[in-house]
N, C-alpha and C. Protein backbone atom coordinates (compact mmCIF):
# COMPACT_ATOMS: atom_id res chain seq x y z
N UNK A 1 -0.11 -38.70 89.31
CA UNK A 1 0.32 -37.68 88.37
C UNK A 1 1.82 -37.46 88.62
N UNK A 2 2.53 -37.45 87.52
CA UNK A 2 3.96 -37.28 87.62
C UNK A 2 4.31 -35.79 87.61
N UNK A 3 5.55 -35.56 87.91
CA UNK A 3 6.02 -34.18 87.97
C UNK A 3 5.98 -33.53 86.58
N UNK A 4 6.31 -34.28 85.55
CA UNK A 4 6.32 -33.75 84.19
C UNK A 4 4.90 -33.37 83.75
N UNK A 5 3.93 -34.23 84.06
CA UNK A 5 2.54 -33.93 83.70
C UNK A 5 2.06 -32.68 84.42
N UNK A 6 2.43 -32.54 85.69
CA UNK A 6 2.04 -31.38 86.48
C UNK A 6 2.60 -30.10 85.87
N UNK A 7 3.87 -30.12 85.46
CA UNK A 7 4.49 -28.93 84.83
C UNK A 7 3.79 -28.58 83.51
N UNK A 8 3.47 -29.58 82.71
CA UNK A 8 2.78 -29.32 81.43
C UNK A 8 1.43 -28.67 81.65
N UNK A 9 0.69 -29.17 82.64
CA UNK A 9 -0.64 -28.60 82.92
C UNK A 9 -0.47 -27.17 83.40
N UNK A 10 0.50 -26.92 84.28
CA UNK A 10 0.74 -25.58 84.79
C UNK A 10 1.15 -24.62 83.66
N UNK A 11 1.99 -25.07 82.75
CA UNK A 11 2.39 -24.24 81.60
C UNK A 11 1.20 -23.92 80.70
N UNK A 12 0.35 -24.90 80.47
CA UNK A 12 -0.84 -24.69 79.64
C UNK A 12 -1.75 -23.63 80.28
N UNK A 13 -1.89 -23.69 81.61
CA UNK A 13 -2.73 -22.72 82.32
C UNK A 13 -2.12 -21.33 82.21
N UNK A 14 -0.81 -21.24 82.31
CA UNK A 14 -0.13 -19.95 82.21
C UNK A 14 -0.31 -19.36 80.82
N UNK A 15 -0.25 -20.20 79.79
CA UNK A 15 -0.43 -19.72 78.41
C UNK A 15 -1.84 -19.21 78.22
N UNK A 16 -2.82 -19.93 78.73
CA UNK A 16 -4.22 -19.50 78.60
C UNK A 16 -4.44 -18.18 79.33
N UNK A 17 -3.81 -18.02 80.47
CA UNK A 17 -3.94 -16.80 81.25
C UNK A 17 -3.33 -15.61 80.51
N UNK A 18 -2.20 -15.85 79.85
CA UNK A 18 -1.56 -14.77 79.07
C UNK A 18 -2.45 -14.33 77.91
N UNK A 19 -3.12 -15.28 77.29
CA UNK A 19 -3.99 -14.95 76.15
C UNK A 19 -5.17 -14.10 76.59
N UNK A 20 -5.61 -14.28 77.86
CA UNK A 20 -6.75 -13.52 78.36
C UNK A 20 -6.39 -12.08 78.68
N UNK A 21 -5.10 -11.83 79.01
CA UNK A 21 -4.66 -10.49 79.41
C UNK A 21 -4.69 -9.52 78.24
N UNK A 22 -5.15 -8.25 78.51
CA UNK A 22 -5.08 -7.24 77.43
C UNK A 22 -3.64 -6.76 77.27
N UNK A 23 -3.36 -6.22 76.12
CA UNK A 23 -2.00 -5.73 75.85
C UNK A 23 -1.66 -5.98 74.40
N UNK A 24 -0.49 -6.51 74.20
CA UNK A 24 -0.07 -6.80 72.83
C UNK A 24 -0.90 -7.93 72.27
N UNK A 25 -1.27 -7.84 71.01
CA UNK A 25 -1.98 -8.97 70.42
C UNK A 25 -1.04 -10.18 70.35
N UNK A 26 -1.59 -11.38 70.56
CA UNK A 26 -0.73 -12.55 70.65
C UNK A 26 -0.04 -12.90 69.32
N UNK A 27 -0.63 -12.52 68.21
CA UNK A 27 -0.07 -12.87 66.91
C UNK A 27 1.17 -12.07 66.55
N UNK A 28 1.36 -10.91 67.15
CA UNK A 28 2.48 -10.03 66.79
C UNK A 28 3.69 -10.37 67.61
N UNK A 29 4.76 -10.75 66.93
CA UNK A 29 5.99 -11.11 67.63
C UNK A 29 6.96 -9.94 67.50
N UNK A 30 7.82 -9.80 68.50
CA UNK A 30 8.82 -8.74 68.42
C UNK A 30 9.92 -9.19 67.47
N UNK A 31 10.42 -8.27 66.68
CA UNK A 31 11.46 -8.56 65.70
C UNK A 31 12.81 -8.60 66.39
N UNK A 32 13.69 -9.49 65.96
CA UNK A 32 15.02 -9.53 66.58
C UNK A 32 15.82 -8.29 66.22
N UNK A 33 16.70 -7.88 67.12
CA UNK A 33 17.52 -6.70 66.90
C UNK A 33 18.67 -7.07 65.97
N UNK A 34 18.73 -6.42 64.83
CA UNK A 34 19.79 -6.66 63.85
C UNK A 34 20.54 -5.35 63.67
N UNK A 35 21.84 -5.41 63.85
CA UNK A 35 22.67 -4.21 63.69
C UNK A 35 23.30 -4.25 62.31
N UNK A 36 23.06 -3.20 61.53
CA UNK A 36 23.59 -3.13 60.17
C UNK A 36 25.07 -2.82 60.22
N UNK A 37 25.82 -3.54 59.37
CA UNK A 37 27.27 -3.34 59.33
C UNK A 37 27.70 -2.50 58.14
N UNK A 38 26.88 -2.48 57.10
CA UNK A 38 27.21 -1.69 55.90
C UNK A 38 26.02 -0.81 55.56
N UNK A 39 26.26 0.26 54.81
CA UNK A 39 25.14 1.12 54.40
C UNK A 39 24.10 0.37 53.57
N UNK A 40 24.55 -0.58 52.74
CA UNK A 40 23.60 -1.34 51.92
C UNK A 40 22.70 -2.20 52.80
N UNK A 41 23.29 -2.79 53.83
CA UNK A 41 22.49 -3.61 54.75
C UNK A 41 21.51 -2.75 55.53
N UNK A 42 21.95 -1.54 55.90
CA UNK A 42 21.06 -0.61 56.62
C UNK A 42 19.86 -0.24 55.74
N UNK A 43 20.14 0.02 54.47
CA UNK A 43 19.06 0.37 53.55
C UNK A 43 18.10 -0.82 53.37
N UNK A 44 18.67 -2.03 53.27
CA UNK A 44 17.83 -3.23 53.12
C UNK A 44 16.93 -3.41 54.34
N UNK A 45 17.47 -3.18 55.54
CA UNK A 45 16.66 -3.31 56.75
C UNK A 45 15.53 -2.28 56.78
N UNK A 46 15.84 -1.06 56.35
CA UNK A 46 14.80 -0.02 56.31
C UNK A 46 13.69 -0.40 55.34
N UNK A 47 14.09 -0.92 54.17
CA UNK A 47 13.08 -1.34 53.19
C UNK A 47 12.23 -2.49 53.72
N UNK A 48 12.87 -3.43 54.40
CA UNK A 48 12.10 -4.54 54.97
C UNK A 48 11.10 -4.04 56.00
N UNK A 49 11.52 -3.08 56.83
CA UNK A 49 10.61 -2.53 57.83
C UNK A 49 9.43 -1.81 57.15
N UNK A 50 9.72 -1.10 56.07
CA UNK A 50 8.64 -0.41 55.36
C UNK A 50 7.69 -1.41 54.70
N UNK A 51 8.25 -2.51 54.18
CA UNK A 51 7.41 -3.47 53.46
C UNK A 51 6.61 -4.39 54.38
N UNK A 52 6.90 -4.37 55.69
CA UNK A 52 6.08 -5.17 56.61
C UNK A 52 4.65 -4.69 56.62
N UNK A 53 4.47 -3.37 56.50
CA UNK A 53 3.12 -2.80 56.47
C UNK A 53 3.02 -1.90 55.24
N UNK A 54 2.66 -2.44 54.07
CA UNK A 54 2.64 -1.62 52.85
C UNK A 54 1.54 -0.56 52.82
N UNK A 55 0.53 -0.70 53.69
CA UNK A 55 -0.55 0.30 53.71
C UNK A 55 -0.12 1.59 54.38
N UNK A 56 0.87 1.50 55.25
CA UNK A 56 1.34 2.67 55.99
C UNK A 56 2.16 3.56 55.04
N UNK A 57 1.88 4.87 55.01
CA UNK A 57 2.64 5.75 54.10
C UNK A 57 4.10 5.87 54.51
N UNK A 58 4.98 5.87 53.53
CA UNK A 58 6.42 5.96 53.79
C UNK A 58 6.80 7.42 54.00
N UNK A 59 7.67 7.70 54.97
CA UNK A 59 8.09 9.09 55.19
C UNK A 59 9.08 9.53 54.11
N UNK A 60 8.76 10.60 53.44
CA UNK A 60 9.63 11.15 52.40
C UNK A 60 10.15 12.49 52.91
N UNK A 61 11.45 12.59 53.15
CA UNK A 61 11.97 13.85 53.68
C UNK A 61 11.90 14.96 52.64
N UNK A 62 11.67 16.17 53.13
CA UNK A 62 11.63 17.31 52.22
C UNK A 62 13.04 17.70 51.82
N UNK A 63 13.12 18.35 50.68
CA UNK A 63 14.43 18.78 50.18
C UNK A 63 14.98 19.86 51.10
N UNK A 64 16.26 19.74 51.47
CA UNK A 64 16.80 20.78 52.36
C UNK A 64 16.83 22.14 51.66
N UNK A 65 16.50 23.15 52.42
CA UNK A 65 16.49 24.50 51.85
C UNK A 65 17.91 24.98 51.64
N UNK A 66 18.07 25.81 50.62
CA UNK A 66 19.41 26.33 50.32
C UNK A 66 19.81 27.34 51.40
N UNK A 67 21.07 27.23 51.80
CA UNK A 67 21.55 28.11 52.86
C UNK A 67 21.62 29.54 52.34
N UNK A 68 21.15 30.46 53.17
CA UNK A 68 21.20 31.89 52.85
C UNK A 68 21.87 32.61 54.00
N UNK A 69 22.79 33.50 53.72
CA UNK A 69 23.41 34.23 54.84
C UNK A 69 22.43 35.23 55.43
N UNK A 70 22.68 35.57 56.67
CA UNK A 70 21.83 36.56 57.33
C UNK A 70 22.06 37.91 56.66
N UNK A 71 21.00 38.62 56.42
CA UNK A 71 21.12 39.92 55.75
C UNK A 71 21.90 40.89 56.63
N UNK A 72 22.63 41.80 55.99
CA UNK A 72 23.39 42.76 56.81
C UNK A 72 22.42 43.70 57.53
N UNK A 73 22.80 44.14 58.71
CA UNK A 73 21.90 45.01 59.46
C UNK A 73 21.70 46.34 58.72
N UNK A 74 20.47 46.84 58.80
CA UNK A 74 20.18 48.10 58.11
C UNK A 74 20.75 49.28 58.88
N UNK A 75 20.73 49.15 60.18
CA UNK A 75 21.25 50.26 60.98
C UNK A 75 22.11 49.67 62.08
N UNK A 76 23.39 50.06 62.15
CA UNK A 76 24.30 49.55 63.17
C UNK A 76 24.32 50.54 64.32
N UNK A 77 23.90 50.09 65.50
CA UNK A 77 23.81 51.00 66.65
C UNK A 77 25.16 51.13 67.38
N UNK A 78 25.84 50.03 67.55
CA UNK A 78 27.09 50.08 68.31
C UNK A 78 28.27 50.08 67.35
N UNK A 79 28.55 51.23 66.81
CA UNK A 79 29.64 51.36 65.86
C UNK A 79 30.94 51.35 66.62
N UNK A 80 31.83 50.45 66.16
CA UNK A 80 33.13 50.38 66.83
C UNK A 80 34.11 51.24 66.06
N UNK A 81 34.83 52.01 66.74
CA UNK A 81 35.85 52.82 66.11
C UNK A 81 37.23 52.24 66.41
N UNK A 82 38.21 52.82 65.79
CA UNK A 82 39.58 52.35 66.04
C UNK A 82 40.28 53.22 67.09
N UNK A 83 39.51 54.01 67.79
CA UNK A 83 40.12 54.91 68.80
C UNK A 83 40.54 54.11 70.02
N UNK A 84 41.35 54.72 70.80
CA UNK A 84 41.84 54.07 72.01
C UNK A 84 40.69 53.89 72.99
N UNK A 85 40.83 52.93 73.85
CA UNK A 85 39.82 52.72 74.87
C UNK A 85 38.87 51.59 74.55
N UNK A 86 39.05 50.94 73.40
CA UNK A 86 38.18 49.81 73.07
C UNK A 86 38.55 48.66 73.99
N UNK A 87 37.54 48.01 74.54
CA UNK A 87 37.80 46.91 75.47
C UNK A 87 38.26 45.65 74.74
N UNK A 88 38.77 44.72 75.54
CA UNK A 88 39.28 43.48 74.95
C UNK A 88 38.14 42.61 74.42
N UNK A 89 36.93 42.80 74.93
CA UNK A 89 35.77 42.02 74.46
C UNK A 89 35.28 42.47 73.10
N UNK A 90 35.61 43.71 72.73
CA UNK A 90 35.12 44.24 71.45
C UNK A 90 35.77 43.53 70.27
N UNK A 91 36.97 43.00 70.46
CA UNK A 91 37.65 42.33 69.35
C UNK A 91 36.84 41.13 68.86
N UNK A 92 36.28 40.38 69.81
CA UNK A 92 35.52 39.18 69.44
C UNK A 92 34.25 39.55 68.69
N UNK A 93 33.61 40.63 69.11
CA UNK A 93 32.41 41.10 68.39
C UNK A 93 32.79 41.49 66.97
N UNK A 94 33.89 42.22 66.85
CA UNK A 94 34.37 42.62 65.53
C UNK A 94 34.69 41.39 64.67
N UNK A 95 35.36 40.42 65.28
CA UNK A 95 35.75 39.21 64.53
C UNK A 95 34.52 38.47 64.00
N UNK A 96 33.47 38.37 64.83
CA UNK A 96 32.25 37.69 64.38
C UNK A 96 31.56 38.46 63.25
N UNK A 97 31.50 39.77 63.39
CA UNK A 97 30.89 40.58 62.33
C UNK A 97 31.67 40.43 61.02
N UNK A 98 32.99 40.45 61.14
CA UNK A 98 33.84 40.33 59.95
C UNK A 98 33.62 38.95 59.29
N UNK A 99 33.58 37.89 60.10
CA UNK A 99 33.38 36.55 59.56
C UNK A 99 32.04 36.44 58.84
N UNK A 100 31.00 37.01 59.45
CA UNK A 100 29.67 36.99 58.85
C UNK A 100 29.66 37.74 57.51
N UNK A 101 30.32 38.88 57.48
CA UNK A 101 30.37 39.67 56.24
C UNK A 101 31.13 38.93 55.15
N UNK A 102 32.24 38.27 55.50
CA UNK A 102 32.99 37.50 54.51
C UNK A 102 32.14 36.35 53.97
N UNK A 103 31.38 35.70 54.85
CA UNK A 103 30.50 34.61 54.40
C UNK A 103 29.46 35.14 53.42
N UNK A 104 28.89 36.29 53.76
CA UNK A 104 27.86 36.88 52.89
C UNK A 104 28.45 37.23 51.53
N UNK A 105 29.65 37.83 51.51
CA UNK A 105 30.28 38.19 50.24
C UNK A 105 30.64 36.93 49.43
N UNK A 106 31.11 35.90 50.14
CA UNK A 106 31.41 34.63 49.48
C UNK A 106 30.16 34.04 48.82
N UNK A 107 29.05 34.08 49.56
CA UNK A 107 27.78 33.57 49.04
C UNK A 107 27.35 34.35 47.80
N UNK A 108 27.47 35.68 47.87
CA UNK A 108 27.08 36.50 46.72
C UNK A 108 27.96 36.20 45.50
N UNK A 109 29.27 35.99 45.73
CA UNK A 109 30.17 35.64 44.63
C UNK A 109 29.78 34.31 44.00
N UNK A 110 29.46 33.33 44.84
CA UNK A 110 29.06 32.01 44.34
C UNK A 110 27.76 32.10 43.55
N UNK A 111 26.81 32.88 44.05
CA UNK A 111 25.53 33.04 43.35
C UNK A 111 25.75 33.71 41.99
N UNK A 112 26.63 34.71 41.93
CA UNK A 112 26.93 35.39 40.67
C UNK A 112 27.56 34.41 39.69
N UNK A 113 28.49 33.59 40.19
CA UNK A 113 29.15 32.59 39.34
C UNK A 113 28.14 31.56 38.82
N UNK A 114 27.23 31.15 39.69
CA UNK A 114 26.20 30.18 39.29
C UNK A 114 25.29 30.76 38.22
N UNK A 115 24.87 32.02 38.40
CA UNK A 115 24.02 32.66 37.40
C UNK A 115 24.76 32.79 36.06
N UNK A 116 26.05 33.12 36.13
CA UNK A 116 26.86 33.23 34.92
C UNK A 116 26.94 31.89 34.20
N UNK A 117 27.18 30.82 34.97
CA UNK A 117 27.26 29.48 34.38
C UNK A 117 25.91 29.07 33.77
N UNK A 118 24.81 29.43 34.44
CA UNK A 118 23.48 29.11 33.91
C UNK A 118 23.24 29.82 32.58
N UNK A 119 23.62 31.11 32.52
CA UNK A 119 23.45 31.87 31.27
C UNK A 119 24.31 31.28 30.15
N UNK A 120 25.55 30.89 30.48
CA UNK A 120 26.42 30.27 29.47
C UNK A 120 25.81 28.97 28.96
N UNK A 121 25.25 28.19 29.88
CA UNK A 121 24.63 26.92 29.50
C UNK A 121 23.44 27.17 28.57
N UNK A 122 22.61 28.14 28.93
CA UNK A 122 21.44 28.45 28.08
C UNK A 122 21.89 28.90 26.71
N UNK A 123 22.93 29.76 26.64
CA UNK A 123 23.47 30.20 25.35
C UNK A 123 24.00 29.03 24.54
N UNK A 124 24.71 28.13 25.20
CA UNK A 124 25.27 26.97 24.50
C UNK A 124 24.17 26.07 23.96
N UNK A 125 23.12 25.85 24.75
CA UNK A 125 22.00 25.03 24.30
C UNK A 125 21.34 25.70 23.08
N UNK A 126 21.17 27.02 23.14
CA UNK A 126 20.56 27.73 22.01
C UNK A 126 21.44 27.61 20.76
N UNK A 127 22.76 27.74 20.93
CA UNK A 127 23.67 27.60 19.78
C UNK A 127 23.62 26.19 19.21
N UNK A 128 23.60 25.18 20.08
CA UNK A 128 23.51 23.80 19.61
C UNK A 128 22.20 23.56 18.86
N UNK A 129 21.11 24.12 19.37
CA UNK A 129 19.81 23.96 18.71
C UNK A 129 19.82 24.63 17.35
N UNK A 130 20.42 25.83 17.28
CA UNK A 130 20.48 26.55 16.01
C UNK A 130 21.34 25.77 15.00
N UNK A 131 22.47 25.23 15.45
CA UNK A 131 23.33 24.44 14.55
C UNK A 131 22.59 23.19 14.07
N UNK A 132 21.86 22.56 14.97
CA UNK A 132 21.10 21.37 14.59
C UNK A 132 20.01 21.73 13.58
N UNK A 133 19.34 22.85 13.79
CA UNK A 133 18.31 23.30 12.84
C UNK A 133 18.91 23.59 11.47
N UNK A 134 20.10 24.22 11.47
CA UNK A 134 20.76 24.52 10.19
C UNK A 134 21.12 23.23 9.45
N UNK A 135 21.67 22.25 10.19
CA UNK A 135 22.02 20.97 9.56
C UNK A 135 20.78 20.28 9.01
N UNK A 136 19.70 20.33 9.79
CA UNK A 136 18.45 19.71 9.36
C UNK A 136 17.93 20.38 8.10
N UNK A 137 17.96 21.72 8.07
CA UNK A 137 17.47 22.45 6.90
C UNK A 137 18.33 22.13 5.67
N UNK A 138 19.63 22.05 5.87
CA UNK A 138 20.55 21.75 4.76
C UNK A 138 20.26 20.35 4.21
N UNK A 139 20.09 19.38 5.09
CA UNK A 139 19.81 18.01 4.65
C UNK A 139 18.44 17.91 3.99
N UNK A 140 17.47 18.67 4.50
CA UNK A 140 16.13 18.66 3.91
C UNK A 140 16.19 19.21 2.49
N UNK A 141 16.95 20.29 2.33
CA UNK A 141 17.10 20.89 1.00
C UNK A 141 17.75 19.89 0.05
N UNK A 142 18.75 19.18 0.53
CA UNK A 142 19.44 18.18 -0.29
C UNK A 142 18.49 17.04 -0.67
N UNK A 143 17.69 16.59 0.29
CA UNK A 143 16.72 15.52 0.01
C UNK A 143 15.70 15.97 -1.03
N UNK A 144 15.23 17.21 -0.90
CA UNK A 144 14.24 17.71 -1.85
C UNK A 144 14.84 17.85 -3.25
N UNK A 145 16.12 18.25 -3.33
CA UNK A 145 16.79 18.33 -4.63
C UNK A 145 16.84 16.96 -5.29
N UNK A 146 17.23 15.94 -4.49
CA UNK A 146 17.29 14.58 -5.02
C UNK A 146 15.90 14.12 -5.46
N UNK A 147 14.90 14.47 -4.70
CA UNK A 147 13.53 14.09 -5.03
C UNK A 147 13.12 14.73 -6.35
N UNK A 148 13.46 16.02 -6.53
CA UNK A 148 13.13 16.71 -7.78
C UNK A 148 13.85 16.07 -8.97
N UNK A 149 15.13 15.71 -8.77
CA UNK A 149 15.88 15.05 -9.84
C UNK A 149 15.24 13.73 -10.22
N UNK A 150 14.83 12.97 -9.20
CA UNK A 150 14.18 11.68 -9.47
C UNK A 150 12.88 11.89 -10.23
N UNK A 151 12.11 12.88 -9.78
CA UNK A 151 10.83 13.16 -10.48
C UNK A 151 11.08 13.59 -11.93
N UNK A 152 12.09 14.44 -12.13
CA UNK A 152 12.41 14.88 -13.50
C UNK A 152 12.84 13.69 -14.35
N UNK A 153 13.68 12.82 -13.80
CA UNK A 153 14.14 11.64 -14.55
C UNK A 153 12.96 10.73 -14.85
N UNK A 154 12.07 10.58 -13.91
CA UNK A 154 10.90 9.73 -14.09
C UNK A 154 10.01 10.29 -15.20
N UNK A 155 9.79 11.62 -15.16
CA UNK A 155 8.96 12.25 -16.21
C UNK A 155 9.62 12.09 -17.59
N UNK A 156 10.93 12.30 -17.64
CA UNK A 156 11.64 12.16 -18.92
C UNK A 156 11.53 10.73 -19.43
N UNK A 157 11.65 9.77 -18.53
CA UNK A 157 11.55 8.37 -18.91
C UNK A 157 10.15 8.05 -19.43
N UNK A 158 9.14 8.57 -18.71
CA UNK A 158 7.75 8.35 -19.15
C UNK A 158 7.51 8.95 -20.54
N UNK A 159 8.03 10.15 -20.74
CA UNK A 159 7.86 10.78 -22.06
C UNK A 159 8.58 9.98 -23.14
N UNK A 160 9.74 9.48 -22.81
CA UNK A 160 10.50 8.68 -23.78
C UNK A 160 9.76 7.39 -24.09
N UNK A 161 9.21 6.75 -23.06
CA UNK A 161 8.47 5.50 -23.29
C UNK A 161 7.19 5.77 -24.06
N UNK A 162 6.56 6.90 -23.82
CA UNK A 162 5.35 7.25 -24.59
C UNK A 162 5.71 7.44 -26.06
N UNK A 163 6.83 8.13 -26.29
CA UNK A 163 7.27 8.35 -27.67
C UNK A 163 7.59 7.03 -28.36
N UNK A 164 8.24 6.12 -27.63
CA UNK A 164 8.58 4.82 -28.21
C UNK A 164 7.32 4.00 -28.44
N UNK A 165 6.37 4.09 -27.50
CA UNK A 165 5.11 3.36 -27.66
C UNK A 165 4.37 3.82 -28.92
N UNK A 166 4.38 5.15 -29.13
CA UNK A 166 3.71 5.67 -30.33
C UNK A 166 4.41 5.17 -31.60
N UNK A 167 5.74 5.18 -31.58
CA UNK A 167 6.50 4.69 -32.75
C UNK A 167 6.27 3.21 -32.94
N UNK A 168 6.28 2.47 -31.82
CA UNK A 168 6.07 1.02 -31.92
C UNK A 168 4.68 0.72 -32.44
N UNK A 169 3.70 1.45 -31.90
CA UNK A 169 2.33 1.16 -32.32
C UNK A 169 2.16 1.45 -33.82
N UNK A 170 2.76 2.51 -34.32
CA UNK A 170 2.63 2.82 -35.75
C UNK A 170 3.44 1.82 -36.59
N UNK A 171 4.62 1.46 -36.10
CA UNK A 171 5.44 0.51 -36.86
C UNK A 171 4.93 -0.91 -36.68
N UNK A 172 4.34 -1.20 -35.51
CA UNK A 172 3.85 -2.56 -35.26
C UNK A 172 2.64 -2.89 -36.12
N UNK A 173 1.86 -1.89 -36.46
CA UNK A 173 0.70 -2.14 -37.33
C UNK A 173 1.18 -2.59 -38.70
N UNK A 174 2.23 -1.97 -39.18
CA UNK A 174 2.77 -2.34 -40.49
C UNK A 174 3.46 -3.69 -40.41
N UNK A 175 4.18 -3.92 -39.29
CA UNK A 175 4.91 -5.17 -39.12
C UNK A 175 3.98 -6.34 -38.90
N UNK A 176 2.84 -6.09 -38.27
CA UNK A 176 1.90 -7.18 -37.99
C UNK A 176 1.46 -7.87 -39.28
N UNK A 177 1.25 -7.08 -40.29
CA UNK A 177 0.80 -7.67 -41.56
C UNK A 177 1.92 -8.49 -42.18
N UNK A 178 3.15 -8.01 -42.15
CA UNK A 178 4.29 -8.72 -42.75
C UNK A 178 4.79 -9.83 -41.83
N UNK A 179 4.74 -9.63 -40.53
CA UNK A 179 5.37 -10.52 -39.57
C UNK A 179 4.56 -11.73 -39.22
N UNK A 180 3.32 -11.83 -39.63
CA UNK A 180 2.51 -12.99 -39.27
C UNK A 180 3.08 -14.25 -39.88
N UNK A 181 3.54 -14.19 -41.07
CA UNK A 181 4.10 -15.36 -41.74
C UNK A 181 5.46 -15.72 -41.14
N UNK A 182 6.27 -14.74 -40.76
CA UNK A 182 7.59 -15.00 -40.20
C UNK A 182 7.51 -15.59 -38.80
N UNK A 183 6.54 -15.18 -37.97
CA UNK A 183 6.40 -15.67 -36.61
C UNK A 183 6.15 -17.18 -36.59
N UNK A 184 5.40 -17.69 -37.54
CA UNK A 184 5.11 -19.11 -37.55
C UNK A 184 6.38 -19.91 -37.85
N UNK A 185 7.22 -19.42 -38.70
CA UNK A 185 8.42 -20.14 -39.10
C UNK A 185 9.51 -20.05 -38.03
N UNK A 186 9.53 -18.99 -37.22
CA UNK A 186 10.58 -18.78 -36.23
C UNK A 186 10.29 -19.58 -34.97
N UNK A 187 11.27 -20.37 -34.51
CA UNK A 187 11.11 -21.17 -33.28
C UNK A 187 11.56 -20.34 -32.09
N UNK A 188 11.01 -20.60 -30.93
CA UNK A 188 11.42 -19.83 -29.75
C UNK A 188 12.87 -20.12 -29.38
N UNK A 189 13.58 -19.14 -28.83
CA UNK A 189 14.99 -19.25 -28.55
C UNK A 189 15.28 -19.94 -27.22
N UNK A 190 14.26 -20.13 -26.39
CA UNK A 190 14.49 -20.71 -25.09
C UNK A 190 14.50 -22.24 -25.11
N UNK A 191 14.20 -22.85 -26.25
CA UNK A 191 14.22 -24.31 -26.33
C UNK A 191 15.65 -24.78 -26.42
N UNK A 192 16.00 -25.82 -25.63
CA UNK A 192 17.37 -26.33 -25.57
C UNK A 192 17.80 -26.91 -26.92
N UNK A 193 19.02 -26.64 -27.29
CA UNK A 193 19.58 -27.23 -28.48
C UNK A 193 19.36 -26.41 -29.73
N UNK A 194 18.54 -25.43 -29.69
CA UNK A 194 18.29 -24.59 -30.88
C UNK A 194 18.81 -23.21 -30.62
N UNK A 195 19.19 -22.56 -31.69
CA UNK A 195 19.69 -21.21 -31.55
C UNK A 195 18.90 -20.24 -32.35
């Protein structure tokens, strides 16, 4: 037995021994570490990871809640006055309270502005809808007028044709008796060479 054959047999035995050990299933390989360089590549890697196991539910983050300032205290116990004797530490407490109050007032101003903009938008949508309805009504009225004119013209035409039919029928009865002899002598006008 050569050295190469001995190594192959030893490797085969080691592989069989690994398969017998509990732990990771042998079919599952570890994925290579890939570092994303661009946001698009990062998103592609995330999608690939999700698509490896399509049965597993995908995590969908909840919408972040809107920031709300802390409500002002209902009762202030440590009221700071402007009298002499205030310690140097009190300034920082005052500064934080002032900052918090300014944030709260800023938030209230923004909310008021947002509500105002929403009301303006709703009013504008209502005005646009009303203008569109008016245009539609105007065009509908115009279409109906044209329809009535067409119907009136059609009725007038029918009455005129009925009147002509009655005249033709009364005159055609008289002409039929006289015109039978003339029809035989008259050649059709569509034949080439004759007029």
